[in-house]
N, C-alpha and C. Protein backbone atom coordinates (compact mmCIF):
# COMPACT_ATOMS: atom_id res chain seq x y z
N UNK A 1 -75.06 -85.29 -45.35
CA UNK A 1 -74.95 -85.69 -43.97
C UNK A 1 -74.87 -84.45 -43.09
N UNK A 2 -75.68 -84.45 -42.04
CA UNK A 2 -75.60 -83.39 -41.04
C UNK A 2 -74.52 -83.74 -40.03
N UNK A 3 -73.92 -82.71 -39.47
CA UNK A 3 -72.83 -82.90 -38.53
C UNK A 3 -73.20 -82.22 -37.22
N UNK A 4 -73.15 -82.98 -36.12
CA UNK A 4 -73.54 -82.46 -34.81
C UNK A 4 -72.29 -82.34 -33.95
N UNK A 5 -72.08 -81.16 -33.38
CA UNK A 5 -70.97 -80.99 -32.44
C UNK A 5 -71.19 -81.89 -31.23
N UNK A 6 -70.13 -82.52 -30.76
CA UNK A 6 -70.22 -83.45 -29.65
C UNK A 6 -70.86 -82.87 -28.41
N UNK A 7 -70.65 -81.58 -28.17
CA UNK A 7 -71.23 -80.93 -26.99
C UNK A 7 -72.75 -80.89 -27.06
N UNK A 8 -73.32 -81.11 -28.24
CA UNK A 8 -74.76 -80.99 -28.42
C UNK A 8 -75.43 -82.30 -28.83
N UNK A 9 -74.71 -83.40 -28.77
CA UNK A 9 -75.28 -84.68 -29.12
C UNK A 9 -76.33 -85.10 -28.11
N UNK A 10 -77.43 -85.55 -28.61
CA UNK A 10 -78.45 -86.22 -27.82
C UNK A 10 -78.80 -87.47 -28.63
N UNK A 11 -78.44 -88.62 -28.07
CA UNK A 11 -78.54 -89.86 -28.83
C UNK A 11 -79.00 -90.97 -27.90
N UNK A 12 -79.80 -91.86 -28.43
CA UNK A 12 -80.24 -93.01 -27.65
C UNK A 12 -79.03 -93.85 -27.24
N UNK A 13 -79.04 -94.26 -26.00
CA UNK A 13 -77.91 -95.04 -25.47
C UNK A 13 -77.70 -96.33 -26.27
N UNK A 14 -78.79 -97.02 -26.58
CA UNK A 14 -78.67 -98.28 -27.33
C UNK A 14 -78.02 -98.04 -28.70
N UNK A 15 -78.39 -96.96 -29.36
CA UNK A 15 -77.80 -96.63 -30.66
C UNK A 15 -76.33 -96.28 -30.50
N UNK A 16 -76.02 -95.45 -29.51
CA UNK A 16 -74.63 -95.07 -29.23
C UNK A 16 -73.78 -96.32 -28.99
N UNK A 17 -74.30 -97.22 -28.19
CA UNK A 17 -73.55 -98.45 -27.88
C UNK A 17 -73.45 -99.37 -29.09
N UNK A 18 -74.50 -99.42 -29.91
CA UNK A 18 -74.45 -100.28 -31.09
C UNK A 18 -73.38 -99.80 -32.08
N UNK A 19 -73.10 -98.52 -32.07
CA UNK A 19 -72.05 -97.96 -32.93
C UNK A 19 -70.71 -97.90 -32.22
N UNK A 20 -70.67 -98.45 -31.01
CA UNK A 20 -69.47 -98.49 -30.17
C UNK A 20 -69.00 -97.10 -29.77
N UNK A 21 -69.94 -96.18 -29.65
CA UNK A 21 -69.66 -94.84 -29.13
C UNK A 21 -68.65 -94.06 -29.94
N UNK A 22 -68.03 -93.11 -29.25
CA UNK A 22 -66.99 -92.31 -29.90
C UNK A 22 -65.75 -93.17 -30.10
N UNK A 23 -65.08 -92.98 -31.20
CA UNK A 23 -63.82 -93.68 -31.47
C UNK A 23 -62.73 -93.02 -30.63
N UNK A 24 -62.25 -93.73 -29.65
CA UNK A 24 -61.30 -93.16 -28.70
C UNK A 24 -59.94 -92.84 -29.29
N UNK A 25 -59.67 -93.31 -30.49
CA UNK A 25 -58.40 -92.94 -31.13
C UNK A 25 -58.31 -91.45 -31.40
N UNK A 26 -59.45 -90.80 -31.52
CA UNK A 26 -59.44 -89.36 -31.81
C UNK A 26 -59.07 -88.52 -30.61
N UNK A 27 -59.29 -88.98 -29.42
CA UNK A 27 -59.03 -88.29 -28.17
C UNK A 27 -59.83 -86.99 -28.10
N UNK A 28 -59.55 -86.08 -28.99
CA UNK A 28 -60.29 -84.81 -29.07
C UNK A 28 -60.26 -84.37 -30.53
N UNK A 29 -61.28 -83.71 -30.96
CA UNK A 29 -61.44 -83.20 -32.33
C UNK A 29 -61.82 -84.31 -33.30
N UNK A 30 -62.92 -84.12 -33.95
CA UNK A 30 -63.48 -84.94 -35.02
C UNK A 30 -64.11 -86.25 -34.56
N UNK A 31 -64.10 -86.54 -33.26
CA UNK A 31 -64.80 -87.73 -32.79
C UNK A 31 -66.30 -87.58 -33.02
N UNK A 32 -66.78 -86.35 -32.95
CA UNK A 32 -68.20 -86.08 -33.19
C UNK A 32 -68.54 -86.20 -34.68
N UNK A 33 -67.66 -85.74 -35.55
CA UNK A 33 -67.86 -85.89 -36.99
C UNK A 33 -67.84 -87.36 -37.38
N UNK A 34 -66.92 -88.11 -36.79
CA UNK A 34 -66.84 -89.54 -37.06
C UNK A 34 -68.13 -90.24 -36.65
N UNK A 35 -68.63 -89.94 -35.46
CA UNK A 35 -69.88 -90.56 -35.00
C UNK A 35 -71.05 -90.14 -35.89
N UNK A 36 -71.12 -88.88 -36.27
CA UNK A 36 -72.19 -88.42 -37.17
C UNK A 36 -72.13 -89.16 -38.50
N UNK A 37 -70.93 -89.36 -39.00
CA UNK A 37 -70.77 -90.08 -40.27
C UNK A 37 -71.22 -91.54 -40.13
N UNK A 38 -70.80 -92.18 -39.05
CA UNK A 38 -71.19 -93.57 -38.83
C UNK A 38 -72.70 -93.70 -38.64
N UNK A 39 -73.32 -92.72 -37.97
CA UNK A 39 -74.78 -92.71 -37.84
C UNK A 39 -75.44 -92.63 -39.21
N UNK A 40 -74.93 -91.75 -40.04
CA UNK A 40 -75.46 -91.58 -41.38
C UNK A 40 -75.29 -92.86 -42.20
N UNK A 41 -74.13 -93.48 -42.10
CA UNK A 41 -73.87 -94.72 -42.82
C UNK A 41 -74.81 -95.84 -42.37
N UNK A 42 -75.23 -95.79 -41.11
CA UNK A 42 -76.15 -96.80 -40.57
C UNK A 42 -77.61 -96.48 -40.88
N UNK A 43 -77.84 -95.39 -41.60
CA UNK A 43 -79.20 -95.04 -42.02
C UNK A 43 -79.93 -94.07 -41.11
N UNK A 44 -79.26 -93.54 -40.11
CA UNK A 44 -79.89 -92.58 -39.20
C UNK A 44 -79.69 -91.16 -39.70
N UNK A 45 -80.53 -90.26 -39.21
CA UNK A 45 -80.43 -88.85 -39.57
C UNK A 45 -80.28 -88.01 -38.31
N UNK A 46 -79.68 -86.85 -38.49
CA UNK A 46 -79.58 -85.88 -37.40
C UNK A 46 -80.63 -84.80 -37.62
N UNK A 47 -81.15 -84.28 -36.54
CA UNK A 47 -82.16 -83.23 -36.62
C UNK A 47 -81.71 -82.04 -35.79
N UNK A 48 -82.09 -80.88 -36.26
CA UNK A 48 -81.78 -79.63 -35.58
C UNK A 48 -83.03 -79.16 -34.85
N UNK A 49 -82.92 -78.98 -33.56
CA UNK A 49 -84.04 -78.51 -32.75
C UNK A 49 -83.85 -77.02 -32.51
N UNK A 50 -84.55 -76.21 -33.26
CA UNK A 50 -84.35 -74.77 -33.22
C UNK A 50 -84.75 -74.13 -31.90
N UNK A 51 -85.60 -74.79 -31.14
CA UNK A 51 -86.05 -74.20 -29.87
C UNK A 51 -85.08 -74.47 -28.73
N UNK A 52 -84.14 -75.38 -28.92
CA UNK A 52 -83.17 -75.69 -27.85
C UNK A 52 -82.12 -74.59 -27.77
N UNK A 53 -81.64 -74.33 -26.58
CA UNK A 53 -80.58 -73.35 -26.36
C UNK A 53 -79.45 -74.02 -25.59
N UNK A 54 -78.25 -73.82 -26.07
CA UNK A 54 -77.07 -74.37 -25.39
C UNK A 54 -75.89 -73.47 -25.72
N UNK A 55 -74.88 -73.54 -24.89
CA UNK A 55 -73.68 -72.74 -25.11
C UNK A 55 -72.47 -73.65 -24.93
N UNK A 56 -71.55 -73.58 -25.88
CA UNK A 56 -70.30 -74.34 -25.79
C UNK A 56 -69.16 -73.37 -26.05
N UNK A 57 -68.34 -73.15 -25.05
CA UNK A 57 -67.18 -72.27 -25.23
C UNK A 57 -66.04 -73.11 -25.79
N UNK A 58 -65.92 -73.12 -27.08
CA UNK A 58 -64.87 -73.90 -27.72
C UNK A 58 -63.49 -73.44 -27.30
N UNK A 59 -62.59 -74.40 -27.12
CA UNK A 59 -61.21 -74.08 -26.77
C UNK A 59 -61.00 -73.69 -25.33
N UNK A 60 -62.00 -73.86 -24.49
CA UNK A 60 -61.90 -73.45 -23.09
C UNK A 60 -60.71 -74.07 -22.38
N UNK A 61 -60.52 -75.35 -22.55
CA UNK A 61 -59.40 -76.05 -21.90
C UNK A 61 -58.14 -75.96 -22.74
N UNK A 62 -58.28 -76.05 -24.05
CA UNK A 62 -57.09 -76.12 -24.90
C UNK A 62 -56.46 -74.76 -25.16
N UNK A 63 -57.09 -73.68 -24.74
CA UNK A 63 -56.53 -72.34 -24.95
C UNK A 63 -55.16 -72.21 -24.29
N UNK A 64 -54.94 -72.96 -23.22
CA UNK A 64 -53.67 -72.88 -22.49
C UNK A 64 -52.57 -73.72 -23.14
N UNK A 65 -52.93 -74.62 -24.02
CA UNK A 65 -51.97 -75.54 -24.62
C UNK A 65 -52.13 -75.52 -26.14
N UNK A 66 -51.75 -74.43 -26.77
CA UNK A 66 -52.02 -74.25 -28.20
C UNK A 66 -51.26 -75.23 -29.08
N UNK A 67 -50.03 -75.58 -28.71
CA UNK A 67 -49.27 -76.56 -29.51
C UNK A 67 -49.98 -77.91 -29.47
N UNK A 68 -50.40 -78.32 -28.29
CA UNK A 68 -51.10 -79.60 -28.16
C UNK A 68 -52.43 -79.56 -28.91
N UNK A 69 -53.13 -78.44 -28.83
CA UNK A 69 -54.41 -78.31 -29.53
C UNK A 69 -54.22 -78.47 -31.04
N UNK A 70 -53.20 -77.81 -31.60
CA UNK A 70 -52.94 -77.94 -33.03
C UNK A 70 -52.53 -79.37 -33.37
N UNK A 71 -51.67 -79.97 -32.56
CA UNK A 71 -51.26 -81.36 -32.78
C UNK A 71 -52.46 -82.29 -32.82
N UNK A 72 -53.33 -82.22 -31.81
CA UNK A 72 -54.48 -83.12 -31.77
C UNK A 72 -55.44 -82.86 -32.93
N UNK A 73 -55.57 -81.62 -33.34
CA UNK A 73 -56.42 -81.30 -34.48
C UNK A 73 -55.86 -81.93 -35.76
N UNK A 74 -54.57 -81.77 -35.99
CA UNK A 74 -53.94 -82.34 -37.17
C UNK A 74 -53.97 -83.88 -37.13
N UNK A 75 -53.72 -84.43 -35.96
CA UNK A 75 -53.72 -85.88 -35.80
C UNK A 75 -55.12 -86.46 -36.04
N UNK A 76 -56.13 -85.79 -35.50
CA UNK A 76 -57.50 -86.27 -35.70
C UNK A 76 -57.90 -86.19 -37.17
N UNK A 77 -57.50 -85.13 -37.83
CA UNK A 77 -57.81 -85.00 -39.26
C UNK A 77 -57.18 -86.14 -40.04
N UNK A 78 -55.94 -86.47 -39.70
CA UNK A 78 -55.24 -87.57 -40.37
C UNK A 78 -55.93 -88.90 -40.09
N UNK A 79 -56.25 -89.15 -38.83
CA UNK A 79 -56.95 -90.39 -38.47
C UNK A 79 -58.29 -90.51 -39.20
N UNK A 80 -59.04 -89.41 -39.21
CA UNK A 80 -60.35 -89.41 -39.87
C UNK A 80 -60.19 -89.73 -41.36
N UNK A 81 -59.21 -89.12 -41.98
CA UNK A 81 -59.05 -89.35 -43.42
C UNK A 81 -58.68 -90.79 -43.73
N UNK A 82 -57.80 -91.40 -42.92
CA UNK A 82 -57.45 -92.80 -43.15
C UNK A 82 -58.64 -93.71 -42.87
N UNK A 83 -59.46 -93.36 -41.91
CA UNK A 83 -60.62 -94.18 -41.57
C UNK A 83 -61.71 -94.12 -42.64
N UNK A 84 -61.93 -92.94 -43.24
CA UNK A 84 -63.10 -92.77 -44.10
C UNK A 84 -62.81 -92.45 -45.57
N UNK A 85 -61.61 -92.01 -45.92
CA UNK A 85 -61.35 -91.61 -47.31
C UNK A 85 -60.56 -92.63 -48.11
N UNK A 86 -59.95 -93.59 -47.45
CA UNK A 86 -59.12 -94.56 -48.14
C UNK A 86 -57.66 -94.12 -48.17
N UNK A 87 -56.80 -95.09 -48.45
CA UNK A 87 -55.35 -94.88 -48.34
C UNK A 87 -54.77 -93.80 -49.22
N UNK A 88 -55.16 -93.76 -50.48
CA UNK A 88 -54.56 -92.81 -51.42
C UNK A 88 -54.94 -91.37 -51.04
N UNK A 89 -56.23 -91.13 -50.81
CA UNK A 89 -56.67 -89.78 -50.44
C UNK A 89 -56.09 -89.37 -49.09
N UNK A 90 -56.05 -90.30 -48.15
CA UNK A 90 -55.50 -90.00 -46.83
C UNK A 90 -54.01 -89.70 -46.91
N UNK A 91 -53.29 -90.44 -47.73
CA UNK A 91 -51.86 -90.19 -47.89
C UNK A 91 -51.62 -88.81 -48.50
N UNK A 92 -52.47 -88.43 -49.44
CA UNK A 92 -52.38 -87.09 -50.02
C UNK A 92 -52.63 -86.01 -48.98
N UNK A 93 -53.64 -86.23 -48.16
CA UNK A 93 -53.94 -85.26 -47.10
C UNK A 93 -52.78 -85.19 -46.10
N UNK A 94 -52.23 -86.32 -45.72
CA UNK A 94 -51.11 -86.35 -44.79
C UNK A 94 -49.89 -85.64 -45.39
N UNK A 95 -49.63 -85.87 -46.66
CA UNK A 95 -48.51 -85.21 -47.33
C UNK A 95 -48.68 -83.70 -47.31
N UNK A 96 -49.87 -83.24 -47.64
CA UNK A 96 -50.14 -81.81 -47.60
C UNK A 96 -50.03 -81.24 -46.20
N UNK A 97 -50.53 -82.01 -45.23
CA UNK A 97 -50.48 -81.57 -43.83
C UNK A 97 -49.05 -81.41 -43.35
N UNK A 98 -48.19 -82.34 -43.73
CA UNK A 98 -46.81 -82.33 -43.24
C UNK A 98 -45.86 -81.47 -44.07
N UNK A 99 -46.07 -81.41 -45.38
CA UNK A 99 -45.09 -80.77 -46.25
C UNK A 99 -45.51 -79.42 -46.82
N UNK A 100 -46.79 -79.10 -46.75
CA UNK A 100 -47.28 -77.83 -47.30
C UNK A 100 -47.82 -76.92 -46.20
N UNK A 101 -48.74 -77.43 -45.43
CA UNK A 101 -49.47 -76.61 -44.46
C UNK A 101 -48.61 -75.89 -43.42
N UNK A 102 -47.52 -76.47 -42.93
CA UNK A 102 -46.75 -75.75 -41.90
C UNK A 102 -46.22 -74.38 -42.37
N UNK A 103 -45.88 -74.27 -43.64
CA UNK A 103 -45.24 -73.05 -44.12
C UNK A 103 -46.17 -71.83 -44.11
N UNK A 104 -47.41 -71.94 -44.59
CA UNK A 104 -48.29 -70.77 -44.46
C UNK A 104 -48.60 -70.45 -42.99
N UNK A 105 -48.70 -71.47 -42.15
CA UNK A 105 -48.93 -71.22 -40.72
C UNK A 105 -47.76 -70.44 -40.11
N UNK A 106 -46.55 -70.87 -40.45
CA UNK A 106 -45.36 -70.19 -39.93
C UNK A 106 -45.24 -68.78 -40.51
N UNK A 107 -45.56 -68.63 -41.78
CA UNK A 107 -45.51 -67.30 -42.41
C UNK A 107 -46.50 -66.35 -41.74
N UNK A 108 -47.69 -66.83 -41.46
CA UNK A 108 -48.69 -65.99 -40.79
C UNK A 108 -48.22 -65.61 -39.39
N UNK A 109 -47.64 -66.57 -38.67
CA UNK A 109 -47.13 -66.27 -37.33
C UNK A 109 -46.00 -65.24 -37.41
N UNK A 110 -45.14 -65.37 -38.40
CA UNK A 110 -44.04 -64.40 -38.58
C UNK A 110 -44.59 -63.03 -38.94
N UNK A 111 -45.59 -63.00 -39.81
CA UNK A 111 -46.21 -61.73 -40.20
C UNK A 111 -46.82 -61.03 -38.99
N UNK A 112 -47.40 -61.83 -38.08
CA UNK A 112 -47.96 -61.28 -36.85
C UNK A 112 -46.88 -60.89 -35.85
N UNK A 113 -45.64 -61.33 -36.11
CA UNK A 113 -44.54 -61.05 -35.20
C UNK A 113 -44.61 -61.86 -33.91
N UNK A 114 -45.19 -63.04 -33.98
CA UNK A 114 -45.41 -63.85 -32.80
C UNK A 114 -44.44 -65.03 -32.74
N UNK A 115 -43.35 -64.86 -32.01
CA UNK A 115 -42.41 -65.95 -31.82
C UNK A 115 -43.07 -67.11 -31.07
N UNK A 116 -43.97 -66.77 -30.16
CA UNK A 116 -44.68 -67.81 -29.41
C UNK A 116 -45.50 -68.69 -30.35
N UNK A 117 -46.19 -68.08 -31.29
CA UNK A 117 -46.99 -68.85 -32.26
C UNK A 117 -46.09 -69.69 -33.16
N UNK A 118 -44.94 -69.16 -33.53
CA UNK A 118 -43.98 -69.93 -34.33
C UNK A 118 -43.52 -71.15 -33.54
N UNK A 119 -43.15 -70.96 -32.28
CA UNK A 119 -42.72 -72.08 -31.44
C UNK A 119 -43.82 -73.13 -31.29
N UNK A 120 -45.05 -72.66 -31.04
CA UNK A 120 -46.18 -73.59 -30.86
C UNK A 120 -46.45 -74.38 -32.13
N UNK A 121 -46.36 -73.72 -33.28
CA UNK A 121 -46.58 -74.39 -34.56
C UNK A 121 -45.51 -75.45 -34.78
N UNK A 122 -44.25 -75.09 -34.54
CA UNK A 122 -43.16 -76.05 -34.71
C UNK A 122 -43.30 -77.22 -33.74
N UNK A 123 -43.70 -76.93 -32.51
CA UNK A 123 -43.91 -78.00 -31.53
C UNK A 123 -45.01 -78.95 -31.99
N UNK A 124 -46.12 -78.41 -32.49
CA UNK A 124 -47.25 -79.24 -32.93
C UNK A 124 -46.84 -80.16 -34.08
N UNK A 125 -46.14 -79.61 -35.07
CA UNK A 125 -45.75 -80.43 -36.21
C UNK A 125 -44.66 -81.44 -35.83
N UNK A 126 -43.80 -81.09 -34.90
CA UNK A 126 -42.81 -82.05 -34.40
C UNK A 126 -43.51 -83.20 -33.71
N UNK A 127 -44.51 -82.89 -32.89
CA UNK A 127 -45.27 -83.96 -32.22
C UNK A 127 -45.96 -84.84 -33.25
N UNK A 128 -46.50 -84.24 -34.31
CA UNK A 128 -47.19 -85.04 -35.34
C UNK A 128 -46.19 -85.95 -36.05
N UNK A 129 -45.04 -85.42 -36.43
CA UNK A 129 -44.02 -86.25 -37.10
C UNK A 129 -43.63 -87.43 -36.22
N UNK A 130 -43.51 -87.19 -34.91
CA UNK A 130 -43.08 -88.25 -33.99
C UNK A 130 -44.13 -89.35 -33.81
N UNK A 131 -45.38 -89.06 -34.11
CA UNK A 131 -46.43 -90.08 -33.95
C UNK A 131 -46.58 -90.96 -35.20
N UNK A 132 -45.91 -90.60 -36.28
CA UNK A 132 -46.03 -91.38 -37.51
C UNK A 132 -45.35 -92.73 -37.33
N UNK A 133 -45.91 -93.78 -37.94
CA UNK A 133 -45.30 -95.11 -37.83
C UNK A 133 -43.97 -95.17 -38.56
């Protein structure tokens, strides 16, 4: 399956609507991967147009809110896994995300000597814990 960044999607409106567009539960991050996957599941293919030129400055808006950016990234990954991988695999991914992943992130932030990064990481994971059912 090919994966198209949302900033570069060019899709027929009827097809987009037939797939019910982007899944709004994602808010930001992985909504484009989800749509690409659903397109593939419906039998469609993505094509790369090498002559097209476009520029997308990733993180332009989220650069100011790094804790929120990490939270939404982690949340979207969790949502995507439950939607497409099934309960057991998604639960494993969620367990790793909550119980393993924070520690290397915090260690890297400490190694860099960045208290701000440590705070942002803790804020992001706290927000993720609070969204769990």
